[in-house]
Amino acid sequence: MASADDNFFPTVFVASIGRERGFSEERIAEASEKLEVSLAALEDRLKGREYLVDGFSLADIAYAGNFVRLRELSESGEVSLGDYPNVAAWMERIEARESFKAAG
């Protein structure tokens, strides 16, 4: 959960709405690079797993709050979720949950 708060959320946030908030291109580029590192780490973590830990947990929920912005980055071509099939499948599993749908 700390990794989601300390690393994932800030990088997704800056990469997705940094220009709207007036952040420098350098800061946005740095966030985009860090986001790729975070996604690669998640990709490795999710190999052979459905969720980050043994089952659906608060760790997954901590990341799920950023899925909307991550999807926006994917749709704009700034991030290729196709490069991270384990992450994409994990996101789809979480987004398919009734609790996720109810929160949207």
Protein backbone atom coordinates (compact mmCIF):
# COMPACT_ATOMS: atom_id res chain seq x y z
CA MET A 1 0.00 0.00 0.00
CA ALA A 2 2.86 2.36 0.77
CA SER A 3 4.30 1.76 -2.68
CA ALA A 4 0.97 2.70 -4.26
CA ASP A 5 0.82 5.91 -2.24
CA ASP A 6 4.48 6.85 -2.42
CA ASN A 7 5.35 5.80 -5.98
CA PHE A 8 2.43 4.81 -8.17
CA PHE A 9 -0.10 7.53 -7.37
CA PRO A 10 2.29 10.49 -7.73
CA THR A 11 3.68 9.24 -11.04
CA VAL A 12 0.26 8.50 -12.53
CA PHE A 13 -1.02 11.86 -11.31
CA VAL A 14 1.83 13.93 -12.74
CA ALA A 15 1.99 11.95 -15.99
CA SER A 16 -1.76 12.26 -16.55
CA ILE A 17 -2.61 15.81 -15.53
CA GLY A 18 0.76 17.47 -15.14
CA ARG A 19 0.27 19.75 -18.13
CA GLU A 20 -3.14 20.86 -16.85
CA ARG A 21 -1.54 21.69 -13.51
CA GLY A 22 1.33 23.60 -15.11
CA PHE A 23 4.11 21.16 -14.24
CA SER A 24 7.30 21.41 -16.26
CA GLU A 25 7.86 19.05 -19.18
CA GLU A 26 10.92 17.78 -17.32
CA ARG A 27 8.82 16.82 -14.29
CA ILE A 28 6.21 15.15 -16.50
CA ALA A 29 8.89 13.19 -18.38
CA GLU A 30 10.45 12.10 -15.08
CA ALA A 31 7.06 10.93 -13.81
CA SER A 32 6.45 9.01 -17.03
CA GLU A 33 9.80 7.23 -16.67
CA LYS A 34 9.05 6.37 -13.04
CA LEU A 35 5.63 5.11 -14.05
CA GLU A 36 7.22 2.70 -16.53
CA VAL A 37 9.48 1.43 -13.73
CA SER A 38 6.47 0.99 -11.43
CA LEU A 39 4.50 -0.84 -14.12
CA ALA A 40 7.47 -3.14 -14.81
CA ALA A 41 7.70 -3.95 -11.10
CA LEU A 42 3.96 -4.67 -10.96
CA GLU A 43 4.26 -6.82 -14.07
CA ASP A 44 6.92 -8.94 -12.37
CA ARG A 45 4.98 -9.10 -9.10
CA LEU A 46 1.85 -10.30 -10.89
CA LYS A 47 3.50 -13.15 -12.79
CA GLY A 48 1.50 -16.26 -11.94
CA ARG A 49 -0.80 -14.32 -9.60
CA GLU A 50 -4.29 -12.92 -9.84
CA TYR A 51 -3.67 -10.25 -7.22
CA LEU A 52 -0.67 -8.63 -5.54
CA VAL A 53 -0.84 -10.87 -2.50
CA ASP A 54 -2.45 -14.31 -2.16
CA GLY A 55 -5.97 -12.98 -2.70
CA PHE A 56 -7.72 -9.69 -3.30
CA SER A 57 -6.52 -7.29 -0.59
CA LEU A 58 -6.03 -3.70 0.47
CA ALA A 59 -2.84 -3.71 -1.62
CA ASP A 60 -4.91 -4.12 -4.78
CA ILE A 61 -7.40 -1.51 -3.64
CA ALA A 62 -4.59 0.98 -3.02
CA TYR A 63 -3.60 0.77 -6.69
CA ALA A 64 -7.14 0.60 -8.11
CA GLY A 65 -7.86 4.23 -7.33
CA ASN A 66 -5.44 5.19 -10.08
CA PHE A 67 -6.80 2.90 -12.79
CA VAL A 68 -8.98 5.60 -14.39
CA ARG A 69 -6.00 7.89 -14.97
CA LEU A 70 -3.83 4.97 -16.06
CA ARG A 71 -6.48 3.99 -18.61
CA GLU A 72 -6.53 7.60 -19.85
CA LEU A 73 -2.76 7.48 -20.32
CA SER A 74 -3.16 4.23 -22.23
CA GLU A 75 -5.92 5.63 -24.45
CA SER A 76 -3.81 8.70 -25.27
CA GLY A 77 -0.87 6.47 -26.18
CA GLU A 78 1.37 7.74 -23.40
CA VAL A 79 1.49 4.30 -21.77
CA SER A 80 1.11 0.96 -23.52
CA LEU A 81 -0.68 -1.48 -21.25
CA GLY A 82 0.00 -4.05 -23.96
CA ASP A 83 3.59 -4.02 -22.72
CA TYR A 84 2.31 -5.14 -19.31
CA PRO A 85 -0.14 -8.01 -19.91
CA ASN A 86 -0.14 -9.14 -16.27
CA VAL A 87 -0.96 -5.62 -15.14
CA ALA A 88 -3.69 -5.23 -17.76
CA ALA A 89 -5.30 -8.56 -16.76
CA TRP A 90 -5.08 -7.62 -13.06
CA MET A 91 -6.74 -4.28 -13.75
CA GLU A 92 -9.52 -6.03 -15.67
CA ARG A 93 -10.11 -8.46 -12.78
CA ILE A 94 -10.38 -5.62 -10.30
CA GLU A 95 -12.54 -3.47 -12.57
CA ALA A 96 -14.91 -6.42 -13.06
CA ARG A 97 -15.56 -6.67 -9.31
CA GLU A 98 -18.99 -5.46 -8.18
CA SER A 99 -17.38 -3.33 -5.48
CA PHE A 100 -15.24 -1.51 -8.07
CA LYS A 101 -18.24 -0.93 -10.31
CA ALA A 102 -20.28 0.38 -7.38
CA ALA A 103 -17.54 2.85 -6.46
CA GLY A 104 -17.42 4.30 -10.00
